[in-house]
Amino acid sequence: MKPFDTDKIPWLFTPHDDGELDEYFSSDHSKIIAETSREVIASLSESRDRLSGKLCYTFNYNQRRYRNTLLRFADMIVRADVTAKKMKSRIMELNIENRELRKQLADMERKMKR
Protein backbone atom coordinates (compact mmCIF):
# COMPACT_ATOMS: atom_id res chain seq x y z
CA MET A 1 0.00 0.00 0.00
CA LYS A 2 1.30 3.45 -0.92
CA PRO A 3 1.73 5.93 1.97
CA PHE A 4 -1.48 7.77 1.09
CA ASP A 5 -3.46 5.31 -0.98
CA THR A 6 -6.86 6.77 -0.14
CA ASP A 7 -8.99 4.20 -1.96
CA LYS A 8 -11.90 3.25 0.36
CA ILE A 9 -10.29 4.97 3.36
CA PRO A 10 -12.58 7.38 5.22
CA TRP A 11 -11.83 11.02 4.53
CA LEU A 12 -10.80 11.68 8.14
CA PHE A 13 -7.81 9.36 7.76
CA THR A 14 -6.44 10.91 4.57
CA PRO A 15 -4.13 13.97 4.25
CA HIS A 16 -5.87 17.36 4.57
CA ASP A 17 -5.24 20.98 3.75
CA ASP A 18 -5.38 23.59 6.52
CA GLY A 19 -8.94 24.37 7.55
CA GLU A 20 -10.51 21.23 6.09
CA LEU A 21 -10.67 19.53 9.48
CA ASP A 22 -12.44 22.57 10.98
CA GLU A 23 -15.16 22.11 8.37
CA TYR A 24 -15.32 18.37 9.11
CA PHE A 25 -15.82 18.98 12.83
CA SER A 26 -18.55 21.54 12.23
CA SER A 27 -20.46 19.59 9.55
CA ASP A 28 -23.64 17.55 9.84
CA HIS A 29 -22.71 13.87 9.81
CA SER A 30 -26.14 12.31 10.29
CA LYS A 31 -26.39 10.99 6.70
CA ILE A 32 -23.01 9.19 6.83
CA ILE A 33 -23.79 7.80 10.30
CA ALA A 34 -27.12 6.41 9.05
CA GLU A 35 -25.51 4.87 5.95
CA THR A 36 -22.70 3.24 7.91
CA SER A 37 -25.16 2.03 10.57
CA ARG A 38 -27.20 0.27 7.88
CA GLU A 39 -24.05 -1.41 6.59
CA VAL A 40 -23.08 -2.51 10.10
CA ILE A 41 -26.55 -3.94 10.73
CA ALA A 42 -26.44 -5.72 7.37
CA SER A 43 -23.13 -7.32 8.43
CA LEU A 44 -24.63 -8.84 11.59
CA SER A 45 -25.98 -12.34 11.73
CA GLU A 46 -27.79 -14.09 14.57
CA SER A 47 -26.28 -17.17 16.10
CA ARG A 48 -26.48 -19.15 19.33
CA ASP A 49 -23.78 -19.33 21.95
CA ARG A 50 -22.46 -22.91 21.98
CA LEU A 51 -22.45 -23.27 25.75
CA SER A 52 -25.49 -21.32 26.93
CA GLY A 53 -27.62 -21.50 23.80
CA LYS A 54 -28.39 -17.78 24.20
CA LEU A 55 -28.93 -15.65 21.14
CA CYS A 56 -26.01 -13.43 20.10
CA TYR A 57 -24.84 -11.56 17.02
CA THR A 58 -21.78 -12.21 14.92
CA PHE A 59 -20.17 -9.49 12.85
CA ASN A 60 -19.20 -10.64 9.37
CA TYR A 61 -16.52 -8.66 7.59
CA ASN A 62 -14.11 -9.13 4.74
CA GLN A 63 -10.76 -10.10 6.26
CA ARG A 64 -8.78 -8.54 3.39
CA ARG A 65 -10.47 -5.21 4.00
CA TYR A 66 -10.38 -5.46 7.80
CA ARG A 67 -8.24 -2.31 8.22
CA ASN A 68 -10.62 -0.24 6.08
CA THR A 69 -13.59 -1.63 8.02
CA LEU A 70 -11.99 -0.56 11.30
CA LEU A 71 -11.18 2.88 9.86
CA ARG A 72 -14.79 3.30 8.72
CA PHE A 73 -16.06 2.40 12.18
CA ALA A 74 -13.56 4.75 13.80
CA ASP A 75 -14.71 7.48 11.40
CA MET A 76 -18.34 6.81 12.30
CA ILE A 77 -17.57 6.96 16.03
CA VAL A 78 -15.84 10.33 15.59
CA ARG A 79 -18.74 11.63 13.48
CA ALA A 80 -21.27 10.41 16.04
CA ASP A 81 -19.29 12.09 18.83
CA VAL A 82 -19.13 15.37 16.88
CA THR A 83 -22.87 15.15 16.18
CA ALA A 84 -23.70 14.42 19.83
CA LYS A 85 -21.58 17.36 21.01
CA LYS A 86 -23.21 19.68 18.47
CA MET A 87 -26.67 18.51 19.56
CA LYS A 88 -25.81 18.99 23.25
CA SER A 89 -24.52 22.48 22.49
CA ARG A 90 -27.69 23.31 20.54
CA ILE A 91 -29.89 21.97 23.36
CA MET A 92 -28.03 24.18 25.84
CA GLU A 93 -28.52 27.19 23.54
CA LEU A 94 -32.24 26.42 23.24
CA ASN A 95 -32.56 26.06 27.02
CA ILE A 96 -30.99 29.50 27.48
CA GLU A 97 -33.32 31.00 24.85
CA ASN A 98 -36.28 29.25 26.47
CA ARG A 99 -35.39 30.69 29.90
CA GLU A 100 -35.07 34.17 28.40
CA LEU A 101 -38.44 33.84 26.63
CA ARG A 102 -40.12 32.62 29.82
CA LYS A 103 -38.70 35.59 31.69
CA GLN A 104 -39.97 37.98 28.99
CA LEU A 105 -43.38 36.30 29.09
CA ALA A 106 -43.55 36.56 32.89
CA ASP A 107 -42.55 40.25 32.70
CA MET A 108 -45.28 40.89 30.10
CA GLU A 109 -47.90 39.08 32.20
CA ARG A 110 -46.93 41.14 35.25
CA LYS A 111 -47.26 44.36 33.23
CA MET A 112 -50.69 43.30 31.92
CA LYS A 113 -51.97 42.62 35.47
CA ARG A 114 -51.14 46.17 36.58
C-alpha atoms as a PDB file:
ATOM      1  CA  MET A   1       0.000   0.000   0.000  1.00  0.00           C
ATOM      2  CA  LYS A   2       1.299   3.445  -0.924  1.00  0.00           C
ATOM      3  CA  PRO A   3       1.728   5.933   1.968  1.00  0.00           C
ATOM      4  CA  PHE A   4      -1.484   7.771   1.086  1.00  0.00           C
ATOM      5  CA  ASP A   5      -3.461   5.313  -0.982  1.00  0.00           C
ATOM      6  CA  THR A   6      -6.860   6.770  -0.143  1.00  0.00           C
ATOM      7  CA  ASP A   7      -8.994   4.201  -1.961  1.00  0.00           C
ATOM      8  CA  LYS A   8     -11.897   3.246   0.356  1.00  0.00           C
ATOM      9  CA  ILE A   9     -10.288   4.965   3.359  1.00  0.00           C
ATOM     10  CA  PRO A  10     -12.579   7.381   5.217  1.00  0.00           C
ATOM     11  CA  TRP A  11     -11.832  11.019   4.531  1.00  0.00           C
ATOM     12  CA  LEU A  12     -10.802  11.683   8.141  1.00  0.00           C
ATOM     13  CA  PHE A  13      -7.811   9.358   7.765  1.00  0.00           C
ATOM     14  CA  THR A  14      -6.445  10.914   4.567  1.00  0.00           C
ATOM     15  CA  PRO A  15      -4.128  13.973   4.248  1.00  0.00           C
ATOM     16  CA  HIS A  16      -5.873  17.363   4.572  1.00  0.00           C
ATOM     17  CA  ASP A  17      -5.235  20.981   3.748  1.00  0.00           C
ATOM     18  CA  ASP A  18      -5.381  23.586   6.515  1.00  0.00           C
ATOM     19  CA  GLY A  19      -8.936  24.366   7.551  1.00  0.00           C
ATOM     20  CA  GLU A  20     -10.509  21.234   6.089  1.00  0.00           C
ATOM     21  CA  LEU A  21     -10.672  19.535   9.480  1.00  0.00           C
ATOM     22  CA  ASP A  22     -12.442  22.567  10.978  1.00  0.00           C
ATOM     23  CA  GLU A  23     -15.163  22.109   8.370  1.00  0.00           C
ATOM     24  CA  TYR A  24     -15.324  18.369   9.112  1.00  0.00           C
ATOM     25  CA  PHE A  25     -15.823  18.978  12.829  1.00  0.00           C
ATOM     26  CA  SER A  26     -18.550  21.540  12.225  1.00  0.00           C
ATOM     27  CA  SER A  27     -20.455  19.589   9.555  1.00  0.00           C
ATOM     28  CA  ASP A  28     -23.639  17.547   9.840  1.00  0.00           C
ATOM     29  CA  HIS A  29     -22.707  13.866   9.814  1.00  0.00           C
ATOM     30  CA  SER A  30     -26.138  12.313  10.288  1.00  0.00           C
ATOM     31  CA  LYS A  31     -26.385  10.991   6.696  1.00  0.00           C
ATOM     32  CA  ILE A  32     -23.009   9.187   6.830  1.00  0.00           C
ATOM     33  CA  ILE A  33     -23.790   7.802  10.303  1.00  0.00           C
ATOM     34  CA  ALA A  34     -27.116   6.412   9.052  1.00  0.00           C
ATOM     35  CA  GLU A  35     -25.507   4.872   5.946  1.00  0.00           C
ATOM     36  CA  THR A  36     -22.700   3.239   7.914  1.00  0.00           C
ATOM     37  CA  SER A  37     -25.156   2.026  10.567  1.00  0.00           C
ATOM     38  CA  ARG A  38     -27.196   0.273   7.880  1.00  0.00           C
ATOM     39  CA  GLU A  39     -24.045  -1.408   6.588  1.00  0.00           C
ATOM     40  CA  VAL A  40     -23.082  -2.514  10.100  1.00  0.00           C
ATOM     41  CA  ILE A  41     -26.554  -3.943  10.726  1.00  0.00           C
ATOM     42  CA  ALA A  42     -26.445  -5.724   7.366  1.00  0.00           C
ATOM     43  CA  SER A  43     -23.134  -7.325   8.427  1.00  0.00           C
ATOM     44  CA  LEU A  44     -24.628  -8.837  11.586  1.00  0.00           C
ATOM     45  CA  SER A  45     -25.984 -12.335  11.732  1.00  0.00           C
ATOM     46  CA  GLU A  46     -27.792 -14.085  14.570  1.00  0.00           C
ATOM     47  CA  SER A  47     -26.276 -17.171  16.099  1.00  0.00           C
ATOM     48  CA  ARG A  48     -26.484 -19.147  19.326  1.00  0.00           C
ATOM     49  CA  ASP A  49     -23.783 -19.332  21.948  1.00  0.00           C
ATOM     50  CA  ARG A  50     -22.462 -22.905  21.980  1.00  0.00           C
ATOM     51  CA  LEU A  51     -22.453 -23.267  25.755  1.00  0.00           C
ATOM     52  CA  SER A  52     -25.488 -21.322  26.930  1.00  0.00           C
ATOM     53  CA  GLY A  53     -27.617 -21.496  23.797  1.00  0.00           C
ATOM     54  CA  LYS A  54     -28.388 -17.782  24.201  1.00  0.00           C
ATOM     55  CA  LEU A  55     -28.927 -15.648  21.140  1.00  0.00           C
ATOM     56  CA  CYS A  56     -26.012 -13.429  20.100  1.00  0.00           C
ATOM     57  CA  TYR A  57     -24.839 -11.563  17.024  1.00  0.00           C
ATOM     58  CA  THR A  58     -21.780 -12.208  14.916  1.00  0.00           C
ATOM     59  CA  PHE A  59     -20.173  -9.492  12.848  1.00  0.00           C
ATOM     60  CA  ASN A  60     -19.202 -10.642   9.370  1.00  0.00           C
ATOM     61  CA  TYR A  61     -16.521  -8.656   7.591  1.00  0.00           C
ATOM     62  CA  ASN A  62     -14.115  -9.126   4.735  1.00  0.00           C
ATOM     63  CA  GLN A  63     -10.764 -10.102   6.259  1.00  0.00           C
ATOM     64  CA  ARG A  64      -8.776  -8.541   3.389  1.00  0.00           C
ATOM     65  CA  ARG A  65     -10.473  -5.207   3.998  1.00  0.00           C
ATOM     66  CA  TYR A  66     -10.376  -5.461   7.796  1.00  0.00           C
ATOM     67  CA  ARG A  67      -8.245  -2.305   8.218  1.00  0.00           C
ATOM     68  CA  ASN A  68     -10.624  -0.244   6.080  1.00  0.00           C
ATOM     69  CA  THR A  69     -13.589  -1.634   8.018  1.00  0.00           C
ATOM     70  CA  LEU A  70     -11.992  -0.560  11.300  1.00  0.00           C
ATOM     71  CA  LEU A  71     -11.184   2.885   9.865  1.00  0.00           C
ATOM     72  CA  ARG A  72     -14.792   3.299   8.723  1.00  0.00           C
ATOM     73  CA  PHE A  73     -16.061   2.401  12.178  1.00  0.00           C
ATOM     74  CA  ALA A  74     -13.560   4.752  13.802  1.00  0.00           C
ATOM     75  CA  ASP A  75     -14.707   7.481  11.399  1.00  0.00           C
ATOM     76  CA  MET A  76     -18.342   6.813  12.301  1.00  0.00           C
ATOM     77  CA  ILE A  77     -17.565   6.960  16.031  1.00  0.00           C
ATOM     78  CA  VAL A  78     -15.838  10.332  15.591  1.00  0.00           C
ATOM     79  CA  ARG A  79     -18.741  11.625  13.477  1.00  0.00           C
ATOM     80  CA  ALA A  80     -21.273  10.411  16.043  1.00  0.00           C
ATOM     81  CA  ASP A  81     -19.291  12.090  18.829  1.00  0.00           C
ATOM     82  CA  VAL A  82     -19.126  15.367  16.876  1.00  0.00           C
ATOM     83  CA  THR A  83     -22.866  15.149  16.175  1.00  0.00           C
ATOM     84  CA  ALA A  84     -23.697  14.417  19.826  1.00  0.00           C
ATOM     85  CA  LYS A  85     -21.580  17.359  21.009  1.00  0.00           C
ATOM     86  CA  LYS A  86     -23.211  19.682  18.472  1.00  0.00           C
ATOM     87  CA  MET A  87     -26.665  18.509  19.562  1.00  0.00           C
ATOM     88  CA  LYS A  88     -25.806  18.991  23.245  1.00  0.00           C
ATOM     89  CA  SER A  89     -24.518  22.481  22.486  1.00  0.00           C
ATOM     90  CA  ARG A  90     -27.695  23.308  20.539  1.00  0.00           C
ATOM     91  CA  ILE A  91     -29.892  21.971  23.361  1.00  0.00           C
ATOM     92  CA  MET A  92     -28.031  24.176  25.836  1.00  0.00           C
ATOM     93  CA  GLU A  93     -28.525  27.194  23.544  1.00  0.00           C
ATOM     94  CA  LEU A  94     -32.241  26.425  23.238  1.00  0.00           C
ATOM     95  CA  ASN A  95     -32.561  26.064  27.018  1.00  0.00           C
ATOM     96  CA  ILE A  96     -30.988  29.498  27.484  1.00  0.00           C
ATOM     97  CA  GLU A  97     -33.316  30.999  24.845  1.00  0.00           C
ATOM     98  CA  ASN A  98     -36.278  29.254  26.468  1.00  0.00           C
ATOM     99  CA  ARG A  99     -35.395  30.693  29.902  1.00  0.00           C
ATOM    100  CA  GLU A 100     -35.074  34.168  28.400  1.00  0.00           C
ATOM    101  CA  LEU A 101     -38.444  33.841  26.630  1.00  0.00           C
ATOM    102  CA  ARG A 102     -40.125  32.617  29.820  1.00  0.00           C
ATOM    103  CA  LYS A 103     -38.699  35.588  31.688  1.00  0.00           C
ATOM    104  CA  GLN A 104     -39.968  37.980  28.994  1.00  0.00           C
ATOM    105  CA  LEU A 105     -43.385  36.304  29.094  1.00  0.00           C
ATOM    106  CA  ALA A 106     -43.549  36.560  32.893  1.00  0.00           C
ATOM    107  CA  ASP A 107     -42.554  40.248  32.700  1.00  0.00           C
ATOM    108  CA  MET A 108     -45.280  40.890  30.100  1.00  0.00           C
ATOM    109  CA  GLU A 109     -47.903  39.080  32.199  1.00  0.00           C
ATOM    110  CA  ARG A 110     -46.929  41.144  35.246  1.00  0.00           C
ATOM    111  CA  LYS A 111     -47.260  44.356  33.229  1.00  0.00           C
ATOM    112  CA  MET A 112     -50.690  43.300  31.923  1.00  0.00           C
ATOM    113  CA  LYS A 113     -51.966  42.622  35.469  1.00  0.00           C
ATOM    114  CA  ARG A 114     -51.144  46.169  36.584  1.00  0.00           C
END
